[in-house]
C-alpha atoms as a PDB file:
ATOM      1  CA  MET A   1      86.593 118.338 204.983  1.00  0.00           C
ATOM      2  CA  ASP A   2      88.475 121.614 205.034  1.00  0.00           C
ATOM      3  CA  ASP A   3      89.190 121.942 201.290  1.00  0.00           C
ATOM      4  CA  GLU A   4      87.164 123.277 198.354  1.00  0.00           C
ATOM      5  CA  THR A   5      84.761 120.313 198.691  1.00  0.00           C
ATOM      6  CA  SER A   6      83.906 121.182 202.276  1.00  0.00           C
ATOM      7  CA  TRP A   7      80.467 122.490 201.263  1.00  0.00           C
ATOM      8  CA  LEU A   8      79.357 118.874 200.864  1.00  0.00           C
ATOM      9  CA  PRO A   9      78.208 117.233 204.105  1.00  0.00           C
ATOM     10  CA  PRO A  10      80.295 114.110 204.783  1.00  0.00           C
ATOM     11  CA  GLU A  11      77.092 112.055 204.688  1.00  0.00           C
ATOM     12  CA  LEU A  12      76.766 112.987 201.016  1.00  0.00           C
ATOM     13  CA  ALA A  13      80.195 111.839 199.966  1.00  0.00           C
ATOM     14  CA  PRO A  14      78.557 108.711 198.390  1.00  0.00           C
ATOM     15  CA  VAL A  15      76.702 111.158 196.090  1.00  0.00           C
ATOM     16  CA  ALA A  16      80.034 112.438 194.814  1.00  0.00           C
ATOM     17  CA  LEU A  17      81.006 108.818 194.266  1.00  0.00           C
ATOM     18  CA  ARG A  18      77.894 108.292 192.209  1.00  0.00           C
ATOM     19  CA  LEU A  19      78.831 111.226 189.998  1.00  0.00           C
ATOM     20  CA  ALA A  20      82.389 109.832 189.651  1.00  0.00           C
ATOM     21  CA  ARG A  21      80.939 106.561 188.387  1.00  0.00           C
ATOM     22  CA  ALA A  22      78.947 108.477 185.828  1.00  0.00           C
ATOM     23  CA  ASP A  23      82.193 110.143 184.787  1.00  0.00           C
ATOM     24  CA  GLN A  24      83.838 106.774 184.380  1.00  0.00           C
ATOM     25  CA  ALA A  25      80.942 105.592 182.210  1.00  0.00           C
ATOM     26  CA  GLU A  26      81.254 108.716 180.076  1.00  0.00           C
ATOM     27  CA  PHE A  27      84.959 108.063 179.499  1.00  0.00           C
ATOM     28  CA  GLN A  28      84.342 104.437 178.594  1.00  0.00           C
ATOM     29  CA  ILE A  29      81.755 105.494 176.037  1.00  0.00           C
ATOM     30  CA  GLY A  30      84.329 107.691 174.302  1.00  0.00           C
ATOM     31  CA  GLU A  31      86.913 104.918 174.259  1.00  0.00           C
ATOM     32  CA  LEU A  32      84.442 102.366 172.821  1.00  0.00           C
ATOM     33  CA  ALA A  33      83.085 104.803 170.261  1.00  0.00           C
ATOM     34  CA  LEU A  34      86.597 105.722 169.065  1.00  0.00           C
ATOM     35  CA  GLU A  35      87.555 102.072 168.712  1.00  0.00           C
ATOM     36  CA  TRP A  36      84.316 101.304 166.777  1.00  0.00           C
ATOM     37  CA  SER A  37      84.743 104.268 164.446  1.00  0.00           C
ATOM     38  CA  ARG A  38      88.100 103.096 163.169  1.00  0.00           C
ATOM     39  CA  GLY A  39      86.385 100.150 161.354  1.00  0.00           C
ATOM     40  CA  ALA A  40      82.843 101.411 161.145  1.00  0.00           C
ATOM     41  CA  LEU A  41      82.355 101.264 157.334  1.00  0.00           C
ATOM     42  CA  ASP A  42      83.317  99.075 154.454  1.00  0.00           C
ATOM     43  CA  PHE A  43      83.153 100.287 150.859  1.00  0.00           C
ATOM     44  CA  ASP A  44      83.353  99.002 147.263  1.00  0.00           C
ATOM     45  CA  GLN A  45      83.723 100.947 144.018  1.00  0.00           C
ATOM     46  CA  VAL A  46      80.837  99.874 141.850  1.00  0.00           C
ATOM     47  CA  GLU A  47      80.679 100.459 138.098  1.00  0.00           C
ATOM     48  CA  ASN A  48      77.392 101.880 137.013  1.00  0.00           C
ATOM     49  CA  ASP A  49      75.754 101.820 133.536  1.00  0.00           C
ATOM     50  CA  GLU A  50      76.865 105.362 132.806  1.00  0.00           C
ATOM     51  CA  SER A  51      80.607 104.647 132.772  1.00  0.00           C
ATOM     52  CA  GLY A  52      80.929 105.979 136.261  1.00  0.00           C
ATOM     53  CA  ILE A  53      82.154 104.739 139.632  1.00  0.00           C
ATOM     54  CA  GLU A  54      79.878 104.745 142.665  1.00  0.00           C
ATOM     55  CA  LEU A  55      81.517 104.496 146.123  1.00  0.00           C
ATOM     56  CA  THR A  56      79.049 102.186 147.841  1.00  0.00           C
ATOM     57  CA  VAL A  57      78.591 101.075 151.447  1.00  0.00           C
ATOM     58  CA  THR A  58      79.055  97.331 151.700  1.00  0.00           C
ATOM     59  CA  GLY A  59      79.318  96.890 155.421  1.00  0.00           C
ATOM     60  CA  ILE A  60      78.503  98.647 158.659  1.00  0.00           C
ATOM     61  CA  ARG A  61      80.046  97.395 161.940  1.00  0.00           C
ATOM     62  CA  PRO A  62      77.449  96.947 164.712  1.00  0.00           C
ATOM     63  CA  ILE A  63      78.071  99.170 167.708  1.00  0.00           C
ATOM     64  CA  PRO A  64      79.107  97.401 170.981  1.00  0.00           C
ATOM     65  CA  PRO A  65      76.035  96.835 173.184  1.00  0.00           C
ATOM     66  CA  LEU A  66      77.978  98.141 176.157  1.00  0.00           C
ATOM     67  CA  LEU A  67      77.757 101.650 174.745  1.00  0.00           C
ATOM     68  CA  SER A  68      74.021 101.901 175.344  1.00  0.00           C
ATOM     69  CA  MET A  69      74.325 100.180 178.721  1.00  0.00           C
ATOM     70  CA  LEU A  70      76.948 102.751 179.847  1.00  0.00           C
ATOM     71  CA  PHE A  71      74.770 105.599 178.680  1.00  0.00           C
ATOM     72  CA  SER A  72      71.901 104.244 180.713  1.00  0.00           C
ATOM     73  CA  GLU A  73      74.069 103.802 183.722  1.00  0.00           C
ATOM     74  CA  ALA A  74      75.354 107.338 183.612  1.00  0.00           C
ATOM     75  CA  ILE A  75      71.875 108.659 183.393  1.00  0.00           C
ATOM     76  CA  HIS A  76      70.782 106.515 186.313  1.00  0.00           C
ATOM     77  CA  HIS A  77      73.599 107.723 188.534  1.00  0.00           C
ATOM     78  CA  LEU A  78      73.030 111.380 187.667  1.00  0.00           C
ATOM     79  CA  ARG A  79      69.343 111.157 188.469  1.00  0.00           C
ATOM     80  CA  ALA A  80      69.915 109.133 191.618  1.00  0.00           C
ATOM     81  CA  ALA A  81      72.536 111.640 192.852  1.00  0.00           C
ATOM     82  CA  ILE A  82      69.874 114.315 192.963  1.00  0.00           C
ATOM     83  CA  GLU A  83      67.288 112.105 194.612  1.00  0.00           C
ATOM     84  CA  ASN A  84      69.830 110.878 197.215  1.00  0.00           C
ATOM     85  CA  THR A  85      70.742 114.487 198.086  1.00  0.00           C
ATOM     86  CA  LEU A  86      67.167 115.660 198.438  1.00  0.00           C
ATOM     87  CA  PHE A  87      66.347 112.612 200.636  1.00  0.00           C
ATOM     88  CA  TYR A  88      69.225 113.307 202.891  1.00  0.00           C
ATOM     89  CA  LEU A  89      68.480 117.018 203.285  1.00  0.00           C
ATOM     90  CA  VAL A  90      64.823 116.397 204.285  1.00  0.00           C
ATOM     91  CA  GLY A  91      65.801 113.736 206.842  1.00  0.00           C
ATOM     92  CA  ALA A  92      68.615 115.854 208.273  1.00  0.00           C
ATOM     93  CA  SER A  93      66.341 118.836 208.810  1.00  0.00           C
ATOM     94  CA  ARG A  94      63.953 117.090 211.141  1.00  0.00           C
ATOM     95  CA  SER A  95      64.260 115.558 214.648  1.00  0.00           C
ATOM     96  CA  GLU A  96      61.990 112.596 214.131  1.00  0.00           C
ATOM     97  CA  GLU A  97      62.371 109.796 211.587  1.00  0.00           C
ATOM     98  CA  LEU A  98      60.433 109.839 208.312  1.00  0.00           C
ATOM     99  CA  SER A  99      57.460 107.454 208.101  1.00  0.00           C
ATOM    100  CA  GLU A 100      57.346 105.103 205.175  1.00  0.00           C
ATOM    101  CA  ALA A 101      54.713 107.215 203.454  1.00  0.00           C
ATOM    102  CA  GLN A 102      56.671 110.401 204.005  1.00  0.00           C
ATOM    103  CA  ALA A 103      59.860 108.828 202.602  1.00  0.00           C
ATOM    104  CA  ARG A 104      57.998 107.718 199.462  1.00  0.00           C
ATOM    105  CA  ALA A 105      56.798 111.340 198.980  1.00  0.00           C
ATOM    106  CA  ILE A 106      60.382 112.672 198.652  1.00  0.00           C
ATOM    107  CA  GLU A 107      61.448 113.092 195.051  1.00  0.00           C
ATOM    108  CA  MET A 108      62.915 115.757 192.779  1.00  0.00           C
ATOM    109  CA  PRO A 109      60.013 117.384 190.801  1.00  0.00           C
ATOM    110  CA  ILE A 110      60.724 118.643 187.332  1.00  0.00           C
ATOM    111  CA  TYR A 111      57.947 120.943 185.943  1.00  0.00           C
ATOM    112  CA  GLU A 112      57.681 123.384 183.048  1.00  0.00           C
ATOM    113  CA  LYS A 113      54.968 125.452 184.580  1.00  0.00           C
ATOM    114  CA  PRO A 114      55.045 127.137 188.071  1.00  0.00           C
ATOM    115  CA  GLY A 115      51.445 126.115 188.738  1.00  0.00           C
ATOM    116  CA  ASP A 116      52.324 122.466 188.517  1.00  0.00           C
ATOM    117  CA  LEU A 117      55.082 122.778 191.055  1.00  0.00           C
ATOM    118  CA  VAL A 118      52.802 124.657 193.481  1.00  0.00           C
ATOM    119  CA  LYS A 119      50.265 121.766 193.284  1.00  0.00           C
ATOM    120  CA  TRP A 120      53.114 119.213 193.901  1.00  0.00           C
ATOM    121  CA  GLN A 121      54.441 121.145 196.908  1.00  0.00           C
ATOM    122  CA  LYS A 122      50.959 121.414 198.415  1.00  0.00           C
ATOM    123  CA  LYS A 123      50.661 117.600 198.164  1.00  0.00           C
ATOM    124  CA  ARG A 124      54.034 117.206 199.915  1.00  0.00           C
ATOM    125  CA  GLU A 125      52.744 119.364 202.812  1.00  0.00           C
ATOM    126  CA  GLN A 126      49.578 117.330 203.003  1.00  0.00           C
ATOM    127  CA  ARG A 127      51.670 114.165 203.311  1.00  0.00           C
ATOM    128  CA  GLY A 128      53.716 115.620 206.116  1.00  0.00           C
ATOM    129  CA  VAL A 129      56.878 116.630 204.223  1.00  0.00           C
ATOM    130  CA  ASP A 130      56.741 120.366 204.992  1.00  0.00           C
ATOM    131  CA  GLU A 131      60.473 120.579 204.154  1.00  0.00           C
ATOM    132  CA  LEU A 132      59.469 120.582 200.429  1.00  0.00           C
ATOM    133  CA  GLY A 133      56.700 123.051 200.764  1.00  0.00           C
ATOM    134  CA  ALA A 134      56.636 126.308 198.794  1.00  0.00           C
ATOM    135  CA  GLU A 135      57.612 128.479 201.768  1.00  0.00           C
ATOM    136  CA  SER A 136      60.427 126.277 202.990  1.00  0.00           C
ATOM    137  CA  THR A 137      64.155 126.891 202.294  1.00  0.00           C
ATOM    138  CA  LEU A 138      64.529 123.659 200.501  1.00  0.00           C
ATOM    139  CA  GLY A 139      61.285 124.154 198.628  1.00  0.00           C
ATOM    140  CA  ARG A 140      62.424 127.494 197.346  1.00  0.00           C
ATOM    141  CA  ARG A 141      65.761 125.942 196.230  1.00  0.00           C
ATOM    142  CA  VAL A 142      63.824 123.224 194.364  1.00  0.00           C
ATOM    143  CA  ALA A 143      61.730 125.905 192.678  1.00  0.00           C
ATOM    144  CA  SER A 144      64.849 127.776 191.514  1.00  0.00           C
ATOM    145  CA  LEU A 145      65.989 124.689 189.594  1.00  0.00           C
ATOM    146  CA  GLN A 146      62.877 124.198 187.607  1.00  0.00           C
ATOM    147  CA  PRO A 147      63.082 124.641 183.805  1.00  0.00           C
ATOM    148  CA  TYR A 148      60.753 127.651 183.868  1.00  0.00           C
ATOM    149  CA  ALA A 149      63.033 129.423 186.420  1.00  0.00           C
ATOM    150  CA  ASP A 150      66.493 128.325 185.308  1.00  0.00           C
ATOM    151  CA  PRO A 151      67.833 129.386 181.741  1.00  0.00           C
ATOM    152  CA  ALA A 152      70.390 126.582 181.530  1.00  0.00           C
ATOM    153  CA  VAL A 153      70.363 124.667 178.209  1.00  0.00           C
ATOM    154  CA  VAL A 154      72.118 121.617 176.756  1.00  0.00           C
ATOM    155  CA  TYR A 155      73.184 122.040 173.103  1.00  0.00           C
ATOM    156  CA  SER A 156      72.763 119.200 170.690  1.00  0.00           C
ATOM    157  CA  LEU A 157      76.107 120.325 169.238  1.00  0.00           C
ATOM    158  CA  THR A 158      78.297 123.348 169.825  1.00  0.00           C
ATOM    159  CA  PRO A 159      77.182 126.523 168.051  1.00  0.00           C
ATOM    160  CA  SER A 160      80.435 126.660 166.155  1.00  0.00           C
ATOM    161  CA  ILE A 161      80.011 123.100 164.830  1.00  0.00           C
ATOM    162  CA  GLY A 162      76.417 124.009 164.013  1.00  0.00           C
ATOM    163  CA  VAL A 163      77.608 126.801 161.753  1.00  0.00           C
ATOM    164  CA  LEU A 164      80.101 124.458 160.074  1.00  0.00           C
ATOM    165  CA  MET A 165      77.426 121.844 159.477  1.00  0.00           C
ATOM    166  CA  GLY A 166      74.900 124.365 158.263  1.00  0.00           C
ATOM    167  CA  GLY A 167      72.324 124.143 161.005  1.00  0.00           C
ATOM    168  CA  ALA A 168      71.388 125.576 164.340  1.00  0.00           C
ATOM    169  CA  PRO A 169      71.755 123.308 167.431  1.00  0.00           C
ATOM    170  CA  GLU A 170      68.753 122.081 169.263  1.00  0.00           C
ATOM    171  CA  THR A 171      68.576 123.152 172.875  1.00  0.00           C
ATOM    172  CA  ALA A 172      66.853 121.686 175.909  1.00  0.00           C
ATOM    173  CA  HIS A 173      66.907 122.176 179.609  1.00  0.00           C
ATOM    174  CA  PRO A 174      69.275 119.733 181.348  1.00  0.00           C
ATOM    175  CA  MET A 175      66.744 118.694 183.971  1.00  0.00           C
ATOM    176  CA  LEU A 176      64.090 118.010 181.431  1.00  0.00           C
ATOM    177  CA  LEU A 177      66.524 115.946 179.324  1.00  0.00           C
ATOM    178  CA  LEU A 178      67.644 113.977 182.454  1.00  0.00           C
ATOM    179  CA  GLN A 179      64.049 113.244 183.326  1.00  0.00           C
ATOM    180  CA  LYS A 180      63.076 112.182 179.847  1.00  0.00           C
ATOM    181  CA  TYR A 181      66.168 109.963 179.347  1.00  0.00           C
ATOM    182  CA  SER A 182      65.577 108.345 182.773  1.00  0.00           C
ATOM    183  CA  ASN A 183      61.907 107.753 182.133  1.00  0.00           C
ATOM    184  CA  GLU A 184      62.546 106.360 178.617  1.00  0.00           C
ATOM    185  CA  ASP A 185      65.170 104.056 179.979  1.00  0.00           C
ATOM    186  CA  LYS A 186      62.746 102.586 182.474  1.00  0.00           C
ATOM    187  CA  HIS A 187      60.222 101.637 179.790  1.00  0.00           C
ATOM    188  CA  ARG A 188      62.142 101.475 176.555  1.00  0.00           C
ATOM    189  CA  ALA A 189      65.750 100.924 175.360  1.00  0.00           C
ATOM    190  CA  ILE A 190      67.918 103.962 174.788  1.00  0.00           C
ATOM    191  CA  ARG A 191      68.275 104.105 171.042  1.00  0.00           C
ATOM    192  CA  MET A 192      71.777 104.170 169.627  1.00  0.00           C
ATOM    193  CA  ALA A 193      72.448 104.878 166.023  1.00  0.00           C
ATOM    194  CA  ALA A 194      74.505 102.138 164.313  1.00  0.00           C
ATOM    195  CA  VAL A 195      76.156 104.813 162.202  1.00  0.00           C
ATOM    196  CA  ARG A 196      75.867 108.516 161.556  1.00  0.00           C
ATOM    197  CA  THR A 197      78.505 109.711 159.119  1.00  0.00           C
ATOM    198  CA  LEU A 198      79.919 112.983 157.914  1.00  0.00           C
ATOM    199  CA  ILE A 199      80.970 112.590 154.261  1.00  0.00           C
ATOM    200  CA  GLN A 200      83.370 115.020 152.498  1.00  0.00           C
ATOM    201  CA  ASN A 201      83.774 114.545 148.787  1.00  0.00           C
ATOM    202  CA  TRP A 202      86.819 116.570 147.760  1.00  0.00           C
ATOM    203  CA  GLY A 203      85.489 116.754 144.242  1.00  0.00           C
ATOM    204  CA  GLU A 204      82.605 119.114 145.494  1.00  0.00           C
ATOM    205  CA  PRO A 205      82.822 122.589 146.994  1.00  0.00           C
ATOM    206  CA  PHE A 206      82.708 122.304 150.827  1.00  0.00           C
ATOM    207  CA  TRP A 207      80.118 124.937 151.461  1.00  0.00           C
ATOM    208  CA  THR A 208      77.675 123.526 148.913  1.00  0.00           C
ATOM    209  CA  SER A 209      78.075 119.897 150.050  1.00  0.00           C
ATOM    210  CA  GLU A 210      75.938 117.991 152.595  1.00  0.00           C
ATOM    211  CA  ARG A 211      77.816 118.876 155.871  1.00  0.00           C
ATOM    212  CA  ARG A 212      75.549 117.153 158.370  1.00  0.00           C
ATOM    213  CA  MET A 213      76.111 113.811 159.894  1.00  0.00           C
ATOM    214  CA  ARG A 214      73.599 111.461 158.345  1.00  0.00           C
ATOM    215  CA  PRO A 215      72.504 107.709 158.678  1.00  0.00           C
ATOM    216  CA  LEU A 216      73.818 105.212 156.201  1.00  0.00           C
ATOM    217  CA  GLU A 217      72.628 101.780 155.108  1.00  0.00           C
ATOM    218  CA  VAL A 218      74.428  99.052 153.260  1.00  0.00           C
ATOM    219  CA  GLY A 219      74.003  99.722 149.595  1.00  0.00           C
ATOM    220  CA  ASP A 220      74.009 103.533 149.908  1.00  0.00           C
ATOM    221  CA  VAL A 221      76.192 105.489 147.396  1.00  0.00           C
ATOM    222  CA  VAL A 222      78.179 108.198 149.024  1.00  0.00           C
ATOM    223  CA  ALA A 223      80.023 109.551 145.973  1.00  0.00           C
ATOM    224  CA  THR A 224      79.920 109.136 142.192  1.00  0.00           C
ATOM    225  CA  THR A 225      82.797 109.946 139.789  1.00  0.00           C
ATOM    226  CA  PRO A 226      83.444 109.357 136.019  1.00  0.00           C
ATOM    227  CA  LEU A 227      85.452 106.222 135.346  1.00  0.00           C
ATOM    228  CA  GLY A 228      89.178 106.972 135.580  1.00  0.00           C
ATOM    229  CA  VAL A 229      88.810 110.141 137.708  1.00  0.00           C
ATOM    230  CA  VAL A 230      90.337 109.944 141.128  1.00  0.00           C
ATOM    231  CA  VAL A 231      88.492 111.923 143.800  1.00  0.00           C
ATOM    232  CA  PRO A 232      89.339 111.574 147.600  1.00  0.00           C
ATOM    233  CA  VAL A 233      86.416 110.928 149.829  1.00  0.00           C
ATOM    234  CA  GLU A 234      86.618 111.269 153.591  1.00  0.00           C
ATOM    235  CA  THR A 235      84.190 109.782 156.047  1.00  0.00           C
ATOM    236  CA  SER A 236      83.888 110.264 159.754  1.00  0.00           C
ATOM    237  CA  SER A 237      81.445 107.975 161.547  1.00  0.00           C
ATOM    238  CA  ALA A 238      80.258 108.377 165.139  1.00  0.00           C
ATOM    239  CA  VAL A 239      77.875 106.704 167.579  1.00  0.00           C
ATOM    240  CA  HIS A 240      74.861 108.864 168.370  1.00  0.00           C
ATOM    241  CA  VAL A 241      71.894 108.705 170.806  1.00  0.00           C
ATOM    242  CA  GLN A 242      68.482 109.994 169.956  1.00  0.00           C
ATOM    243  CA  ARG A 243      66.983 112.576 172.269  1.00  0.00           C
ATOM    244  CA  PRO A 244      63.715 111.498 173.836  1.00  0.00           C
ATOM    245  CA  GLU A 245      60.565 112.859 172.149  1.00  0.00           C
ATOM    246  CA  SER A 246      62.766 114.386 169.448  1.00  0.00           C
ATOM    247  CA  SER A 247      64.182 113.485 166.029  1.00  0.00           C
ATOM    248  CA  THR A 248      67.521 114.991 167.024  1.00  0.00           C
ATOM    249  CA  TRP A 249      70.572 112.697 167.314  1.00  0.00           C
ATOM    250  CA  VAL A 250      73.483 113.763 169.579  1.00  0.00           C
ATOM    251  CA  ALA A 251      76.980 112.581 170.595  1.00  0.00           C
ATOM    252  CA  PRO A 252      76.463 110.617 173.796  1.00  0.00           C
ATOM    253  CA  GLY A 253      79.640 111.912 175.416  1.00  0.00           C
ATOM    254  CA  GLY A 254      78.877 115.594 174.844  1.00  0.00           C
ATOM    255  CA  GLU A 255      75.308 115.151 175.893  1.00  0.00           C
ATOM    256  CA  LEU A 256      76.178 113.391 179.191  1.00  0.00           C
ATOM    257  CA  ASP A 257      78.896 115.888 179.913  1.00  0.00           C
ATOM    258  CA  GLN A 258      76.598 118.876 179.810  1.00  0.00           C
ATOM    259  CA  ILE A 259      73.897 117.191 181.889  1.00  0.00           C
ATOM    260  CA  HIS A 260      76.630 115.958 184.325  1.00  0.00           C
ATOM    261  CA  ARG A 261      78.047 119.444 184.797  1.00  0.00           C
ATOM    262  CA  HIS A 262      74.652 120.863 185.482  1.00  0.00           C
ATOM    263  CA  VAL A 263      73.859 118.276 188.119  1.00  0.00           C
ATOM    264  CA  ALA A 264      77.259 118.541 189.817  1.00  0.00           C
ATOM    265  CA  ASP A 265      77.797 122.281 189.634  1.00  0.00           C
ATOM    266  CA  VAL A 266      74.236 123.676 189.849  1.00  0.00           C
ATOM    267  CA  VAL A 267      71.644 121.152 191.130  1.00  0.00           C
ATOM    268  CA  ILE A 268      73.401 119.501 194.037  1.00  0.00           C
ATOM    269  CA  PRO A 269      75.225 122.598 195.365  1.00  0.00           C
ATOM    270  CA  THR A 270      72.017 124.645 195.108  1.00  0.00           C
ATOM    271  CA  LEU A 271      70.086 122.047 197.048  1.00  0.00           C
ATOM    272  CA  VAL A 272      72.796 121.874 199.814  1.00  0.00           C
ATOM    273  CA  THR A 273      73.942 125.533 199.959  1.00  0.00           C
ATOM    274  CA  GLY A 274      71.517 127.573 197.922  1.00  0.00           C
ATOM    275  CA  PHE A 275      74.223 128.529 195.380  1.00  0.00           C
ATOM    276  CA  ALA A 276      75.665 127.031 192.221  1.00  0.00           C
ATOM    277  CA  LEU A 277      79.412 126.368 192.203  1.00  0.00           C
ATOM    278  CA  THR A 278      81.752 126.557 189.235  1.00  0.00           C
ATOM    279  CA  ARG A 279      84.107 124.115 190.943  1.00  0.00           C
ATOM    280  CA  SER A 280      81.896 121.832 192.983  1.00  0.00           C
ATOM    281  CA  LEU A 281      83.148 118.213 193.156  1.00  0.00           C
ATOM    282  CA  PRO A 282      86.086 116.454 191.439  1.00  0.00           C
ATOM    283  CA  PRO A 283      84.575 114.338 188.598  1.00  0.00           C
ATOM    284  CA  LYS A 284      87.347 111.747 188.611  1.00  0.00           C
ATOM    285  CA  ILE A 285      87.500 109.835 191.858  1.00  0.00           C
ATOM    286  CA  ASP A 286      89.201 106.532 192.476  1.00  0.00           C
ATOM    287  CA  LEU A 287      86.478 103.964 193.213  1.00  0.00           C
ATOM    288  CA  THR A 288      88.736 100.926 193.442  1.00  0.00           C
ATOM    289  CA  ASN A 289      90.126  99.019 196.505  1.00  0.00           C
ATOM    290  CA  THR A 290      92.217 101.886 197.896  1.00  0.00           C
ATOM    291  CA  GLY A 291      91.251 101.521 201.581  1.00  0.00           C
ATOM    292  CA  GLN A 292      90.138 105.121 201.667  1.00  0.00           C
ATOM    293  CA  GLU A 293      86.943 106.301 203.338  1.00  0.00           C
ATOM    294  CA  PRO A 294      84.413 108.079 200.941  1.00  0.00           C
ATOM    295  CA  VAL A 295      85.366 111.571 202.252  1.00  0.00           C
ATOM    296  CA  GLU A 296      89.075 110.924 201.661  1.00  0.00           C
ATOM    297  CA  ARG A 297      88.329 109.663 198.136  1.00  0.00           C
ATOM    298  CA  VAL A 298      86.425 112.892 197.349  1.00  0.00           C
ATOM    299  CA  ARG A 299      89.198 115.066 198.696  1.00  0.00           C
ATOM    300  CA  SER A 300      91.861 113.331 196.543  1.00  0.00           C
ATOM    301  CA  GLY A 301      89.836 113.425 193.335  1.00  0.00           C
ATOM    302  CA  ARG A 302      90.872 115.025 190.102  1.00  0.00           C
ATOM    303  CA  TRP A 303      89.111 117.934 188.454  1.00  0.00           C
ATOM    304  CA  GLU A 304      89.360 117.180 184.751  1.00  0.00           C
ATOM    305  CA  PRO A 305      86.033 115.711 183.515  1.00  0.00           C
ATOM    306  CA  ALA A 306      85.799 112.668 181.266  1.00  0.00           C
ATOM    307  CA  HIS A 307      84.799 114.700 178.217  1.00  0.00           C
ATOM    308  CA  GLN A 308      88.011 116.751 178.479  1.00  0.00           C
ATOM    309  CA  ARG A 309      90.252 113.773 179.268  1.00  0.00           C
ATOM    310  CA  PHE A 310      88.932 111.871 176.275  1.00  0.00           C
ATOM    311  CA  ALA A 311      89.155 114.840 173.918  1.00  0.00           C
ATOM    312  CA  LYS A 312      92.917 114.734 174.388  1.00  0.00           C
ATOM    313  CA  ILE A 313      92.946 111.036 173.457  1.00  0.00           C
ATOM    314  CA  ALA A 314      90.809 111.718 170.351  1.00  0.00           C
ATOM    315  CA  VAL A 315      93.025 114.523 169.217  1.00  0.00           C
ATOM    316  CA  ALA A 316      96.145 112.495 169.750  1.00  0.00           C
ATOM    317  CA  ALA A 317      94.687 109.543 167.778  1.00  0.00           C
ATOM    318  CA  LEU A 318      93.845 111.904 164.941  1.00  0.00           C
ATOM    319  CA  GLU A 319      97.357 113.427 164.910  1.00  0.00           C
ATOM    320  CA  ASP A 320      98.983 109.953 165.098  1.00  0.00           C
ATOM    321  CA  ALA A 321      96.891 108.463 162.266  1.00  0.00           C
ATOM    322  CA  THR A 322      99.360 107.341 159.565  1.00  0.00           C
ATOM    323  CA  ASP A 323      97.159 104.826 157.668  1.00  0.00           C
ATOM    324  CA  PRO A 324      97.402 105.428 153.887  1.00  0.00           C
ATOM    325  CA  PRO A 325      94.254 106.147 151.980  1.00  0.00           C
ATOM    326  CA  ARG A 326      92.142 102.997 151.263  1.00  0.00           C
ATOM    327  CA  ILE A 327      91.380 102.122 147.636  1.00  0.00           C
ATOM    328  CA  PRO A 328      88.188  99.902 147.695  1.00  0.00           C
ATOM    329  CA  PRO A 329      87.942  97.087 145.123  1.00  0.00           C
ATOM    330  CA  ILE A 330      86.078  97.820 141.860  1.00  0.00           C
ATOM    331  CA  ARG A 331      83.160  95.536 141.185  1.00  0.00           C
ATOM    332  CA  ARG A 332      80.203  95.375 138.807  1.00  0.00           C
ATOM    333  CA  ARG A 333      76.898  96.152 140.294  1.00  0.00           C
ATOM    334  CA  SER A 334      75.694  92.559 140.156  1.00  0.00           C
ATOM    335  CA  ASN A 335      78.539  91.540 142.557  1.00  0.00           C
ATOM    336  CA  VAL A 336      77.490  93.914 145.306  1.00  0.00           C
ATOM    337  CA  ALA A 337      76.146  91.972 148.251  1.00  0.00           C
ATOM    338  CA  GLU A 338      72.525  92.552 149.265  1.00  0.00           C
ATOM    339  CA  ALA A 339      72.107  94.553 152.364  1.00  0.00           C
ATOM    340  CA  PRO A 340      71.034  92.428 155.404  1.00  0.00           C
ATOM    341  CA  SER A 341      67.578  93.280 156.632  1.00  0.00           C
ATOM    342  CA  ASP A 342      68.959  94.068 160.101  1.00  0.00           C
ATOM    343  CA  ALA A 343      72.059  95.887 159.010  1.00  0.00           C
ATOM    344  CA  VAL A 344      71.210  99.057 160.862  1.00  0.00           C
ATOM    345  CA  GLU A 345      68.664 100.279 163.452  1.00  0.00           C
END
């Protein structure tokens, strides 16, 4: 390869294809989430006993199961891309083949304390994998990517959106997040929220209203007005994933995009070359029956990541929206359906 992807050994072209499949999954998540959000909630106007009207949730559309599966798949490919790279680099640096025990000892460590990595590297040396020892070139590169040495963070939401919603974003190191998502997915299901919704009642001042996305259940009242008073209420529902070992819910597309960019632009180039690259590998690569060899596919890839491609679609959908405001039916409280016991997670 003689272009800007020439830093990647041809033998690691399949790693770029793994990253491209993760990019595809991220784009599919956006498409499914947008489609789901268009019919996420059903409402009724319910008369209460104080001559008022309560805008009440009467239905929540279940999210497509494919969403959580795509999230898990993207996490798997991102983690495997790192492991594949490390395994190749160790094997390529020695003249003899790895024994089965040595091959099993090769993995990407992720530690929050330097002492833990030192212990891990000593064990690699004892098992005959000196290439991952503390004094080796590859061992030093591995050390530079550890959470205690690398200041990179993944934001739960952008700082500007955090200000708008009245809260500071939660930050976490991308490698720790990837590790925890991967480990959780091996033993538990990735938890998707059936609905988290931003509600804006135009009858209330914006800056004093609840501006955070929140969970809803069937039967929840999102706005109350006196009988005969018309107040517009806007809702914006989105699919969210819960961060492992945290109570924070995040948009899956934005979360995966930040982890993906760190793996593609920092982790893999650092392992291979010793340096991070701002333009490392094209995220969008054709994986279909084109007849191309892996290296050719990488060279002909496109550089706009899924998160940016989908953002254009989401903005266009918002600009093209022409549906008139919905006026839910008015019912007496006794006619409101009971919430199913499994309505939401």
